[in-house]
C-alpha cells in the first residue's frame, strides 16, 4: 500500500491515537528484480552499468541504482543503463531495484563487485609522521602527531603498540585521517611503546615514526576500562543476549543457528537452527534476539529473521536447546530486501516487545502507516497489538525511519534508537509515541525536515554507519560499522553529553553492543562477509568490555 499525506509532528510532541488510513490502491504488485547486471565501462572515477529490463503487471517507471545499501542514482524505467561516479581503488557492490508508478519496489537484482583502477600510478610513499607524543590518563593513552604529506594524499595512519597494530585511522583526500588516537583499556602501571606509519590509497607506506613511550596510571579513570576477546566466530554474530545464569546466546546470521556459550567463551555450541530463514544476498538472515522478561519461568527466546517473502518475528522456547517444536510466528509482513531489513529487538520496561524495521529499500513505506517498513514496532509478548499503541489496530509505534538497527531503554523508560543515513547523516533518536522521524524527505537534519522529530545527535556516515546500541547506568554506547568505533555518551535529560570515541580502528567494523548481566558490555565485530549471505566466510570476534563505574 502507498501512503497518503500525513501530518508531521512537532519535535518531541505526543500525538493522539488515530485510525490507520489505508488508501485504496489498484496496484500492489512489485516489479520483478532486474537481471544480468554487468559493467560496460570502468574508469578511475566512473562505472558504466547495464542490466536486463524488469517486468511489471503495469509498467516499470524507474530503476534505483545502489552500491552497498546506498542509493546513488535513479533512472527512467525506459533506460537499462547508467554511468555512475566511482572512486579509484574502492571496491563497491553495485545492484539495481525496479520501481513502478504505484511506488512498489522490486527485490534487488544481482550484485556486481567492481574495483576501478587508480587514476594515476603512484609508487611514492608518504613522509614519516613526526612529533608523536602520548599522554596517559589512568589506563587510557591519547596519542597525537603532526600530519604526514604525500604526492597524492595520505589516507590512513596505522598505530603500533609494542610492535603490534593497535588501530588504523582512515580517511580520504577530501577528509584526511585524524592525527589523534585513543588507546583504551590498557594495563595499569605499564610502559607502552608507540609508533605511527602513514599510508596512501595505493598502499605505499612511510617508515615508522620515532617512537614515544607512555606509562599508564594506577587504575582506570575513563569510561572504558578494558576489553577481553571471549571467542572468535566464522559467521556473523548479529543478535546477542545474556540470560540470568550467565549463558550468552547469539545468532549466526548466515548459518541461521543459535549459539550458546559460557561468559568466558567456553562451552560454545550450536543449540539449534531457526526454521524458515532465508538470506537476501545482502544483510538478511537471523538478526535480532531478545529474551522474555519472564524468561526464568516461560523460557521464550524471540528472534527477528528474514524469510523468503518478508522479515518476521518468532519465538521459541530455550531449555538448553532451541525447542523448534514450540515455534510461534508472532508477526509477518515486515518488508525485506538485500539491505534495509532493520532487525533489532528489545523488551521495554512496560513488558512490550519493540522491533526496529527497515524500509526494505522502498523509502515510501517509511511514511505509509499501512506498511510495517521503516518503523519502530511495538507488540505484546504473544504477538498481539497493544491497545495503547498510537494508531488503532497497528503495530506502528513510530515511523519515518530508514534502516534502524539500535534500540535501548534508559532508566526513565525512554526508548533510544540508532538509524543509518544514506550518505549524509546517521541519527541517534529519542523515540516518542506516534513520532514521525522524517525519512525519506529528511535525512538527519538535511532536507525537508519541517515538523518531523529532530534527532538528538547526528554523525557523518564516514565516522558512523552505526548498528547496535546499549545503555548501562544511563550511558549510551553505540557500535559503528564504517566508522569502526564505539561511541560513548552520557544521557543528560533529552541530550547526549561528554561524547567520547573508543576503539577507533582497533577492531574494525563493530556491529552489536549489549549489556552484560553485571553491568559491562558485549561487543561484536562485523569485518567481512557482512554484505552477502554466504555462511562462514568471515573472521569475527566477540569481546567483553569493562566500563567505568
Protein backbone atom coordinates (compact mmCIF):
# COMPACT_ATOMS: atom_id res chain seq x y z
CA UNK A 1 0.00 0.00 0.00
CA UNK A 2 1.17 3.51 -0.72
CA UNK A 3 1.00 6.43 1.61
CA UNK A 4 -1.40 9.31 1.92
CA UNK A 5 -0.45 12.77 3.10
CA UNK A 6 0.10 12.61 6.86
CA UNK A 7 0.54 15.47 9.31
CA UNK A 8 4.05 15.80 10.62
CA UNK A 9 4.68 16.17 14.34
CA UNK A 10 6.41 18.91 16.23
CA UNK A 11 9.65 17.69 17.79
CA UNK A 12 9.15 15.52 20.86
CA UNK A 13 5.38 16.02 21.00
CA UNK A 14 2.96 13.19 21.55
CA UNK A 15 0.13 12.61 19.12
CA UNK A 16 -3.32 11.36 19.89
CA UNK A 17 -4.13 7.84 18.69
CA UNK A 18 -5.74 7.78 15.29
CA UNK A 19 -7.11 5.18 12.99
CA UNK A 20 -4.77 3.90 10.31
CA UNK A 21 -5.76 5.29 6.92
CA UNK A 22 -5.45 2.65 4.24
CA UNK A 23 -5.74 4.23 0.81
CA UNK A 24 -7.14 2.15 -1.99
CA UNK A 25 -4.52 1.07 -4.48
CA UNK A 26 -5.10 -0.51 -7.85
CA UNK A 27 -1.56 -1.87 -7.98
CA UNK A 28 0.23 -3.59 -5.10
CA UNK A 29 2.39 -5.94 -7.19
CA UNK A 30 6.10 -5.07 -7.30
CA UNK A 31 8.16 -5.49 -10.47
CA UNK A 32 10.47 -8.43 -10.94
CA UNK A 33 14.10 -7.99 -9.99
CA UNK A 34 16.34 -6.56 -12.73
CA UNK A 35 18.63 -9.28 -14.10
CA UNK A 36 22.02 -9.69 -15.82
CA UNK A 37 23.72 -6.66 -14.32
CA UNK A 38 27.17 -6.14 -15.85
CA UNK A 39 29.79 -3.43 -16.22
CA UNK A 40 30.10 -1.89 -19.67
CA UNK A 41 32.91 0.53 -18.87
CA UNK A 42 35.13 1.13 -15.86
CA UNK A 43 37.41 4.12 -15.46
CA UNK A 44 39.20 5.51 -12.44
CA UNK A 45 36.23 7.68 -11.47
CA UNK A 46 33.18 6.17 -13.17
CA UNK A 47 31.42 2.87 -13.74
CA UNK A 48 29.08 2.13 -16.62
CA UNK A 49 26.35 -0.43 -15.83
CA UNK A 50 23.77 -2.21 -17.95
CA UNK A 51 21.03 -4.63 -16.92
CA UNK A 52 18.09 -6.52 -18.36
CA UNK A 53 14.70 -4.90 -18.02
CA UNK A 54 12.44 -5.90 -15.15
CA UNK A 55 8.82 -6.77 -15.80
CA UNK A 56 5.70 -5.47 -14.07
CA UNK A 57 1.95 -6.07 -14.24
CA UNK A 58 1.52 -2.40 -15.26
CA UNK A 59 4.88 -0.83 -16.09
CA UNK A 60 8.34 -0.23 -14.66
CA UNK A 61 8.76 3.52 -14.26
CA UNK A 62 12.21 3.77 -12.65
CA UNK A 63 15.35 1.91 -11.66
CA UNK A 64 17.23 2.73 -8.47
CA UNK A 65 20.98 2.06 -8.60
CA UNK A 66 22.71 1.28 -5.29
CA UNK A 67 26.11 0.35 -4.01
CA UNK A 68 26.33 -1.44 -0.67
CA UNK A 69 22.95 -0.19 0.55
CA UNK A 70 23.43 3.45 -0.52
CA UNK A 71 21.21 4.92 -3.23
CA UNK A 72 23.40 6.54 -5.89
CA UNK A 73 21.01 7.41 -8.73
CA UNK A 74 17.53 6.76 -10.11
CA UNK A 75 16.96 6.49 -13.88
CA UNK A 76 13.83 6.27 -16.02
CA UNK A 77 12.13 2.92 -16.45
CA UNK A 78 12.77 3.25 -20.17
CA UNK A 79 16.52 3.03 -19.61
CA UNK A 80 18.50 -0.04 -18.59
CA UNK A 81 21.90 1.59 -18.25
CA UNK A 82 23.64 4.27 -16.23
CA UNK A 83 27.08 5.77 -15.69
CA UNK A 84 27.83 6.31 -12.01
CA UNK A 85 30.60 8.10 -10.11
CA UNK A 86 33.20 5.83 -8.52
CA UNK A 87 36.44 6.07 -6.57
CA UNK A 88 39.66 4.54 -7.81
CA UNK A 89 40.70 1.54 -5.76
CA UNK A 90 37.41 1.35 -3.83
CA UNK A 91 35.53 -1.94 -4.18
CA UNK A 92 31.77 -1.39 -4.28
CA UNK A 93 28.97 -3.90 -4.74
CA UNK A 94 26.53 -2.49 -7.32
CA UNK A 95 22.92 -3.61 -7.78
CA UNK A 96 19.62 -2.31 -9.14
CA UNK A 97 15.99 -2.27 -7.94
CA UNK A 98 12.98 -1.64 -10.18
CA UNK A 99 10.03 0.59 -9.23
CA UNK A 100 6.55 1.07 -10.71
CA UNK A 101 4.20 4.07 -10.81
CA UNK A 102 2.43 2.98 -7.64
CA UNK A 103 5.76 3.01 -5.80
CA UNK A 104 6.11 -0.75 -5.47
CA UNK A 105 9.80 -1.69 -5.31
CA UNK A 106 11.28 -4.96 -6.51
CA UNK A 107 13.73 -7.14 -4.70
CA UNK A 108 17.30 -6.30 -5.59
CA UNK A 109 18.93 -7.73 -8.68
CA UNK A 110 22.33 -9.47 -8.64
CA UNK A 111 25.35 -7.75 -7.13
CA UNK A 112 28.39 -6.94 -9.25
CA UNK A 113 31.56 -6.12 -7.36
CA UNK A 114 33.76 -3.58 -9.17
CA UNK A 115 37.12 -2.07 -8.23
CA UNK A 116 38.03 0.84 -10.54
CA UNK A 117 41.70 1.45 -11.27
CA UNK A 118 43.50 4.40 -9.78
CA UNK A 119 43.65 7.49 -11.96
CA UNK A 120 47.41 7.56 -11.84
CA UNK A 121 50.08 5.08 -10.83
CA UNK A 122 51.64 6.04 -7.54
CA UNK A 123 54.76 4.48 -6.08
CA UNK A 124 55.77 7.36 -3.82
CA UNK A 125 55.34 6.75 -0.10
CA UNK A 126 54.10 9.44 2.29
CA UNK A 127 56.52 11.23 4.55
CA UNK A 128 57.08 9.91 8.06
CA UNK A 129 54.67 11.26 10.71
CA UNK A 130 56.54 13.48 13.17
CA UNK A 131 56.18 14.92 16.66
CA UNK A 132 54.48 11.82 18.08
CA UNK A 133 53.55 12.35 21.73
CA UNK A 134 51.44 10.45 24.22
CA UNK A 135 49.66 11.25 27.45
CA UNK A 136 48.26 8.69 29.89
CA UNK A 137 45.08 9.25 31.86
CA UNK A 138 44.68 6.25 34.09
CA UNK A 139 44.77 3.23 31.79
CA UNK A 140 43.99 5.23 28.64
CA UNK A 141 46.67 6.68 26.36
CA UNK A 142 45.99 9.55 23.96
CA UNK A 143 48.47 9.91 21.10
CA UNK A 144 48.90 12.84 18.72
CA UNK A 145 51.29 13.62 15.88
CA UNK A 146 51.93 16.02 13.02
CA UNK A 147 50.31 15.04 9.74
CA UNK A 148 52.41 13.37 7.07
CA UNK A 149 52.37 14.58 3.46
CA UNK A 150 52.06 12.71 0.18
CA UNK A 151 52.24 13.44 -3.54
CA UNK A 152 48.55 12.41 -3.82
CA UNK A 153 47.01 12.06 -0.36
CA UNK A 154 47.56 10.35 2.97
CA UNK A 155 44.53 8.12 3.51
CA UNK A 156 45.41 6.23 6.70
CA UNK A 157 47.60 6.13 9.77
CA UNK A 158 48.47 2.80 11.36
CA UNK A 159 49.28 2.95 15.06
CA UNK A 160 51.59 0.31 16.55
CA UNK A 161 51.75 -0.56 20.23
CA UNK A 162 54.84 -2.58 21.19
CA UNK A 163 55.27 -3.55 17.54
CA UNK A 164 51.67 -4.79 17.07
CA UNK A 165 48.90 -2.88 15.27
CA UNK A 166 46.73 -1.14 17.87
CA UNK A 167 44.44 0.66 15.42
CA UNK A 168 44.03 2.26 12.00
CA UNK A 169 42.63 5.72 11.31
CA UNK A 170 41.26 6.07 7.78
CA UNK A 171 40.26 8.99 5.60
CA UNK A 172 40.46 10.33 2.06
CA UNK A 173 41.94 13.18 0.10
CA UNK A 174 38.87 15.29 0.89
CA UNK A 175 38.71 14.19 4.53
CA UNK A 176 42.21 13.34 5.79
CA UNK A 177 42.51 10.80 8.59
CA UNK A 178 42.70 12.05 12.15
CA UNK A 179 46.07 12.56 13.81
CA UNK A 180 44.83 11.72 17.32
CA UNK A 181 44.37 8.16 18.58
CA UNK A 182 42.94 6.96 21.90
CA UNK A 183 44.14 3.60 23.19
CA UNK A 184 41.87 2.37 25.98
CA UNK A 185 41.67 -0.50 28.42
CA UNK A 186 45.41 -0.91 28.96
CA UNK A 187 47.17 -2.46 31.95
CA UNK A 188 47.84 -0.21 34.91
CA UNK A 189 51.38 0.92 35.74
CA UNK A 190 52.77 -0.37 32.44
CA UNK A 191 55.17 1.16 29.91
CA UNK A 192 53.99 1.08 26.28
CA UNK A 193 55.98 1.96 23.18
CA UNK A 194 54.13 3.52 20.22
CA UNK A 195 54.99 4.31 16.60
CA UNK A 196 52.85 5.53 13.68
CA UNK A 197 53.02 4.79 9.94
CA UNK A 198 51.35 6.84 7.17
CA UNK A 199 49.74 5.12 4.18
CA UNK A 200 48.29 6.33 0.87
CA UNK A 201 45.41 4.94 -1.18
CA UNK A 202 47.65 2.64 -3.24
CA UNK A 203 49.24 1.03 -0.22
CA UNK A 204 52.54 2.91 -0.16
CA UNK A 205 53.63 3.26 3.46
CA UNK A 206 56.07 5.52 5.19
CA UNK A 207 58.76 4.36 7.55
CA UNK A 208 57.75 4.17 11.18
CA UNK A 209 57.79 7.38 13.16
CA UNK A 210 60.15 8.00 16.02
CA UNK A 211 58.81 6.03 18.99
CA UNK A 212 57.26 7.51 22.09
CA UNK A 213 56.85 5.66 25.37
CA UNK A 214 53.99 6.22 27.79
CA UNK A 215 53.45 4.82 31.28
CA UNK A 216 49.84 4.21 32.33
CA UNK A 217 48.49 5.22 35.70
CA UNK A 218 47.45 3.09 38.61
CA UNK A 219 43.85 2.46 37.58
CA UNK A 220 41.09 3.18 35.09
CA UNK A 221 39.71 6.71 35.11
CA UNK A 222 37.92 6.66 31.73
CA UNK A 223 34.55 5.43 30.52
CA UNK A 224 36.02 2.26 29.02
CA UNK A 225 38.46 0.30 31.17
CA UNK A 226 39.44 -2.74 29.16
CA UNK A 227 38.41 -5.34 26.59
CA UNK A 228 38.88 -9.08 26.56
CA UNK A 229 38.37 -11.26 23.50
CA UNK A 230 36.00 -14.03 24.53
CA UNK A 231 35.69 -16.01 21.30
CA UNK A 232 36.08 -15.95 17.53
CA UNK A 233 33.37 -16.70 15.00
CA UNK A 234 33.47 -17.65 11.31
CA UNK A 235 29.91 -16.48 10.70
CA UNK A 236 28.40 -13.09 11.61
CA UNK A 237 27.20 -12.71 15.21
CA UNK A 238 24.27 -10.27 14.93
CA UNK A 239 21.77 -10.58 17.78
CA UNK A 240 23.18 -11.37 21.24
CA UNK A 241 21.64 -11.74 24.69
CA UNK A 242 22.86 -12.94 28.06
CA UNK A 243 20.44 -14.74 30.37
CA UNK A 244 20.45 -14.55 34.14
CA UNK A 245 22.52 -17.72 34.67
CA UNK A 246 25.34 -16.10 32.65
CA UNK A 247 24.82 -18.06 29.42
CA UNK A 248 25.35 -15.99 26.28
CA UNK A 249 23.15 -16.70 23.25
CA UNK A 250 23.92 -15.24 19.84
CA UNK A 251 22.72 -15.83 16.29
CA UNK A 252 24.83 -16.77 13.31
CA UNK A 253 23.28 -14.51 10.69
CA UNK A 254 24.06 -16.56 7.58
CA UNK A 255 24.22 -20.06 9.10
CA UNK A 256 20.82 -19.48 10.82
CA UNK A 257 21.95 -21.20 14.04
CA UNK A 258 21.65 -20.01 17.63
CA UNK A 259 24.91 -20.42 19.53
CA UNK A 260 25.35 -20.70 23.30
CA UNK A 261 28.49 -20.22 25.37
CA UNK A 262 29.59 -19.51 28.90
CA UNK A 263 30.51 -15.95 29.75
CA UNK A 264 34.20 -16.72 29.36
CA UNK A 265 33.69 -18.22 25.88
CA UNK A 266 33.98 -21.82 26.99
CA UNK A 267 31.37 -24.45 26.18
CA UNK A 268 30.47 -22.86 22.85
CA UNK A 269 27.94 -24.92 20.93
CA UNK A 270 25.03 -24.69 18.50
CA UNK A 271 21.72 -25.16 20.28
CA UNK A 272 19.59 -25.31 17.14
CA UNK A 273 18.71 -23.86 13.75
CA UNK A 274 15.96 -21.26 13.35
CA UNK A 275 13.37 -22.67 10.88
CA UNK A 276 12.23 -20.80 7.80
CA UNK A 277 15.16 -18.40 7.42
CA UNK A 278 16.45 -17.25 4.03
CA UNK A 279 19.24 -14.81 3.28
CA UNK A 280 18.99 -11.90 0.86
CA UNK A 281 22.47 -11.98 -0.71
CA UNK A 282 22.97 -8.93 1.47
CA UNK A 283 22.14 -8.25 5.10
CA UNK A 284 19.21 -10.58 5.79
CA UNK A 285 19.19 -13.75 7.89
CA UNK A 286 18.97 -14.37 11.64
CA UNK A 287 19.04 -10.86 13.09
CA UNK A 288 17.85 -9.61 16.48
CA UNK A 289 17.35 -11.69 19.63
CA UNK A 290 15.50 -10.94 22.87
CA UNK A 291 14.53 -13.00 25.88
CA UNK A 292 11.20 -12.73 27.65
CA UNK A 293 11.04 -10.55 30.77
CA UNK A 294 9.75 -13.74 32.44
CA UNK A 295 12.38 -15.97 30.87
CA UNK A 296 13.14 -17.76 34.14
CA UNK A 297 9.66 -19.28 34.04
CA UNK A 298 8.48 -19.18 30.41
CA UNK A 299 11.84 -19.74 28.56
CA UNK A 300 10.78 -17.75 25.47
CA UNK A 301 13.54 -16.64 23.07
CA UNK A 302 12.41 -14.08 20.47
CA UNK A 303 14.03 -13.95 17.02
CA UNK A 304 13.74 -11.39 14.20
CA UNK A 305 14.65 -13.09 10.91
CA UNK A 306 14.34 -12.85 7.16
CA UNK A 307 12.24 -15.39 5.28
CA UNK A 308 11.74 -15.96 1.56
CA UNK A 309 8.97 -13.33 1.49
CA UNK A 310 9.43 -10.95 4.42
CA UNK A 311 11.04 -10.22 7.73
CA UNK A 312 9.22 -11.66 10.72
CA UNK A 313 9.31 -12.10 14.47
CA UNK A 314 9.00 -15.56 16.02
CA UNK A 315 9.50 -17.05 19.44
CA UNK A 316 10.69 -20.48 20.60
CA UNK A 317 11.45 -21.92 24.00
CA UNK A 318 15.07 -22.42 25.01
CA UNK A 319 15.77 -25.00 27.70
CA UNK A 320 19.38 -25.75 26.83
CA UNK A 321 18.38 -26.48 23.25
CA UNK A 322 16.28 -24.46 20.85
CA UNK A 323 12.81 -26.03 21.00
CA UNK A 324 11.78 -25.51 17.39
CA UNK A 325 8.64 -27.58 18.03
CA UNK A 326 7.37 -24.69 20.19
CA UNK A 327 7.90 -22.04 17.48
CA UNK A 328 5.20 -19.39 17.24
CA UNK A 329 5.13 -16.86 14.40
CA UNK A 330 4.15 -13.57 16.03
CA UNK A 331 4.43 -11.01 13.24
CA UNK A 332 4.90 -11.27 9.47
CA UNK A 333 4.92 -8.79 6.62
CA UNK A 334 7.90 -6.62 7.54
CA UNK A 335 9.42 -5.72 4.13
CA UNK A 336 12.64 -7.47 3.15
CA UNK A 337 15.28 -6.69 0.56
CA UNK A 338 19.01 -7.09 0.02
CA UNK A 339 19.60 -4.32 2.58
CA UNK A 340 17.48 -2.22 4.97
CA UNK A 341 15.98 -5.10 6.94
CA UNK A 342 16.41 -3.46 10.36
CA UNK A 343 16.25 -6.29 12.86
CA UNK A 344 16.87 -5.25 16.46
CA UNK A 345 14.54 -6.47 19.24
CA UNK A 346 14.24 -5.01 22.74
CA UNK A 347 11.75 -5.53 25.56
CA UNK A 348 10.70 -2.32 27.26
CA UNK A 349 10.03 -1.72 30.96
CA UNK A 350 6.33 -1.85 30.03
CA UNK A 351 6.74 -5.55 29.14
CA UNK A 352 6.14 -4.91 25.45
CA UNK A 353 8.45 -6.01 22.62
CA UNK A 354 9.88 -3.28 20.38
CA UNK A 355 11.32 -4.04 16.94
CA UNK A 356 13.36 -1.90 14.53
CA UNK A 357 12.07 -2.44 10.99
CA UNK A 358 13.91 -1.16 7.90
CA UNK A 359 12.21 0.32 4.85
CA UNK A 360 13.14 -2.66 2.65
CA UNK A 361 14.79 -0.23 0.19
CA UNK A 362 11.36 1.26 -0.52
CA UNK A 363 11.59 4.72 1.11
CA UNK A 364 7.89 5.50 0.61
CA UNK A 365 7.00 2.73 3.05
CA UNK A 366 8.55 4.70 5.89
CA UNK A 367 5.72 7.26 5.66
CA UNK A 368 2.96 4.74 4.91
CA UNK A 369 1.12 3.81 8.10
CA UNK A 370 -0.34 0.83 6.29
CA UNK A 371 3.15 -0.68 5.94
CA UNK A 372 5.41 -2.14 8.64
CA UNK A 373 8.54 -0.90 6.81
CA UNK A 374 10.63 2.00 8.11
CA UNK A 375 9.10 1.82 11.58
CA UNK A 376 9.68 1.07 15.21
CA UNK A 377 7.06 -1.57 16.01
CA UNK A 378 5.51 -2.44 19.39
CA UNK A 379 3.78 -5.72 20.12
CA UNK A 380 2.61 -7.74 23.07
CA UNK A 381 4.79 -10.71 24.04
CA UNK A 382 2.18 -13.03 22.47
CA UNK A 383 2.25 -11.07 19.20
CA UNK A 384 -0.92 -9.06 19.71
CA UNK A 385 -1.34 -5.33 19.10
CA UNK A 386 -1.24 -3.34 22.37
CA UNK A 387 -4.40 -1.31 22.86
CA UNK A 388 -2.43 1.83 23.74
CA UNK A 389 -0.40 1.90 20.51
CA UNK A 390 -0.76 5.31 18.81
CA UNK A 391 -2.55 4.09 15.67
CA UNK A 392 -5.57 1.92 16.34
CA UNK A 393 -5.08 -1.72 15.41
CA UNK A 394 -1.50 -1.12 14.22
CA UNK A 395 1.88 -2.32 15.46
CA UNK A 396 3.43 1.03 14.47
CA UNK A 397 4.96 2.94 17.38
CA UNK A 398 6.95 5.49 15.33
CA UNK A 399 7.58 5.97 11.61
CA UNK A 400 9.71 7.80 9.05
CA UNK A 401 12.78 5.60 9.66
CA UNK A 402 15.25 4.41 7.01
CA UNK A 403 17.15 1.46 8.48
CA UNK A 404 17.10 1.46 12.29
CA UNK A 405 19.21 -1.22 13.96
CA UNK A 406 19.70 0.00 17.52
CA UNK A 407 17.15 0.08 20.37
CA UNK A 408 17.73 0.63 24.11
CA UNK A 409 15.83 1.98 27.12
CA UNK A 410 17.17 4.38 29.74
CA UNK A 411 16.37 4.48 33.47
CA UNK A 412 13.35 6.71 32.81
CA UNK A 413 11.85 4.11 30.46
CA UNK A 414 12.54 6.18 27.33
CA UNK A 415 13.40 4.48 24.07
CA UNK A 416 16.61 5.47 22.24
CA UNK A 417 17.18 4.39 18.66
CA UNK A 418 20.11 4.33 16.22
CA UNK A 419 19.48 4.73 12.49
CA UNK A 420 21.56 4.52 9.31
CA UNK A 421 21.55 7.51 6.98
CA UNK A 422 22.02 7.14 3.21
CA UNK A 423 25.16 9.15 2.51
CA UNK A 424 24.91 12.26 4.72
CA UNK A 425 24.00 11.62 8.36
CA UNK A 426 23.33 8.84 10.82
CA UNK A 427 20.93 9.60 13.66
CA UNK A 428 20.52 8.90 17.36
CA UNK A 429 16.84 9.41 18.14
CA UNK A 430 14.76 9.62 21.28
CA UNK A 431 11.63 7.81 20.13
CA UNK A 432 8.24 9.21 21.11
CA UNK A 433 4.87 7.54 20.71
CA UNK A 434 3.50 8.23 17.23
CA UNK A 435 6.54 10.25 16.19
CA UNK A 436 7.47 10.88 12.54
CA UNK A 437 11.24 10.93 12.02
CA UNK A 438 11.13 12.33 8.52
CA UNK A 439 12.60 9.75 6.12
CA UNK A 440 12.74 9.92 3.09
CA UNK A 441 12.20 13.70 2.88
CA UNK A 442 14.61 14.28 5.76
CA UNK A 443 17.97 12.59 6.46
CA UNK A 444 19.28 13.67 9.84
CA UNK A 445 18.78 17.43 9.68
CA UNK A 446 19.11 17.72 5.89
CA UNK A 447 16.16 18.00 3.52
CA UNK A 448 12.53 18.82 4.23
CA UNK A 449 12.57 18.23 8.00
CA UNK A 450 9.84 20.69 8.99
CA UNK A 451 7.59 19.18 11.61
CA UNK A 452 9.46 15.88 11.99
CA UNK A 453 11.03 14.82 15.28
CA UNK A 454 14.61 16.03 15.27
CA UNK A 455 17.45 13.61 16.09
CA UNK A 456 19.21 14.10 19.40
CA UNK A 457 22.56 13.74 17.64
CA UNK A 458 23.79 13.20 14.10
CA UNK A 459 27.06 11.78 12.75
CA UNK A 460 28.65 11.90 9.28
CA UNK A 461 28.24 8.42 7.82
CA UNK A 462 32.01 8.06 7.26
CA UNK A 463 32.51 8.30 11.02
CA UNK A 464 29.43 6.26 11.90
CA UNK A 465 27.17 3.83 9.98
CA UNK A 466 26.27 2.55 13.44
CA UNK A 467 24.19 -0.53 14.18
CA UNK A 468 23.70 -1.59 17.81
CA UNK A 469 23.29 0.46 20.97
CA UNK A 470 23.25 -0.33 24.67
CA UNK A 471 22.56 1.71 27.79
CA UNK A 472 24.35 1.00 31.06
CA UNK A 473 23.73 3.32 34.04
CA UNK A 474 22.30 5.96 31.70
CA UNK A 475 25.39 5.98 29.49
CA UNK A 476 24.72 5.23 25.82
CA UNK A 477 27.18 3.07 23.85
CA UNK A 478 26.95 2.93 20.03
CA UNK A 479 28.72 0.32 17.86
CA UNK A 480 29.69 1.58 14.40
CA UNK A 481 30.49 -0.30 11.19
CA UNK A 482 32.01 2.05 8.64
CA UNK A 483 33.20 4.33 11.45
CA UNK A 484 34.90 1.34 13.15
CA UNK A 485 34.48 2.78 16.63
CA UNK A 486 32.43 2.73 19.81
CA UNK A 487 30.78 5.99 20.83
CA UNK A 488 30.09 6.66 24.50
CA UNK A 489 27.73 9.45 25.54
CA UNK A 490 26.15 10.39 28.86
CA UNK A 491 22.36 10.79 28.77
CA UNK A 492 21.54 14.15 30.34
CA UNK A 493 17.85 14.99 30.13
CA UNK A 494 16.99 14.76 26.45
CA UNK A 495 20.54 15.37 25.26
CA UNK A 496 23.80 13.44 24.96
CA UNK A 497 26.84 14.95 26.64
CA UNK A 498 30.52 14.10 27.14
CA UNK A 499 30.64 12.22 23.83
CA UNK A 500 33.79 10.09 23.53
CA UNK A 501 35.12 7.60 20.98
CA UNK A 502 36.85 4.32 21.78
CA UNK A 503 38.46 1.50 19.76
CA UNK A 504 38.69 3.78 16.69
CA UNK A 505 40.08 1.43 14.05
CA UNK A 506 41.21 -1.04 16.73
CA UNK A 507 38.87 -3.93 15.97
CA UNK A 508 37.44 -2.87 12.60
CA UNK A 509 33.71 -2.76 11.92
CA UNK A 510 31.58 -3.09 15.06
CA UNK A 511 28.02 -4.45 14.78
CA UNK A 512 26.43 -5.21 18.15
CA UNK A 513 26.85 -3.89 21.67
CA UNK A 514 24.77 -5.34 24.51
CA UNK A 515 24.83 -5.09 28.32
CA UNK A 516 26.27 -7.94 30.36
CA UNK A 517 24.20 -9.13 33.30
CA UNK A 518 26.68 -7.45 35.67
CA UNK A 519 26.89 -4.03 34.04
CA UNK A 520 29.63 -4.26 31.44
CA UNK A 521 29.31 -4.72 27.65
CA UNK A 522 29.41 -7.38 24.98
CA UNK A 523 30.82 -6.14 21.65
CA UNK A 524 30.87 -7.96 18.30
CA UNK A 525 32.72 -7.28 15.06
CA UNK A 526 31.40 -7.44 11.51
CA UNK A 527 34.58 -7.22 9.49
CA UNK A 528 33.91 -9.36 6.43
CA UNK A 529 31.16 -11.22 4.64
CA UNK A 530 28.53 -8.88 6.07
CA UNK A 531 27.26 -7.76 2.65
CA UNK A 532 26.34 -11.21 1.36
CA UNK A 533 24.53 -14.25 2.69
CA UNK A 534 27.39 -16.72 2.44
CA UNK A 535 27.82 -18.79 5.62
CA UNK A 536 31.12 -18.95 7.46
CA UNK A 537 33.04 -16.54 5.22
CA UNK A 538 34.05 -14.08 7.89
CA UNK A 539 36.53 -13.74 10.73
CA UNK A 540 34.74 -12.18 13.68
CA UNK A 541 35.40 -11.65 17.37
CA UNK A 542 33.23 -11.20 20.45
CA UNK A 543 34.63 -9.06 23.25
CA UNK A 544 33.70 -8.35 26.82
CA UNK A 545 34.30 -4.66 27.54
CA UNK A 546 34.76 -3.35 31.07
CA UNK A 547 33.24 0.09 31.55
CA UNK A 548 33.93 2.75 34.17
CA UNK A 549 31.81 2.77 37.28
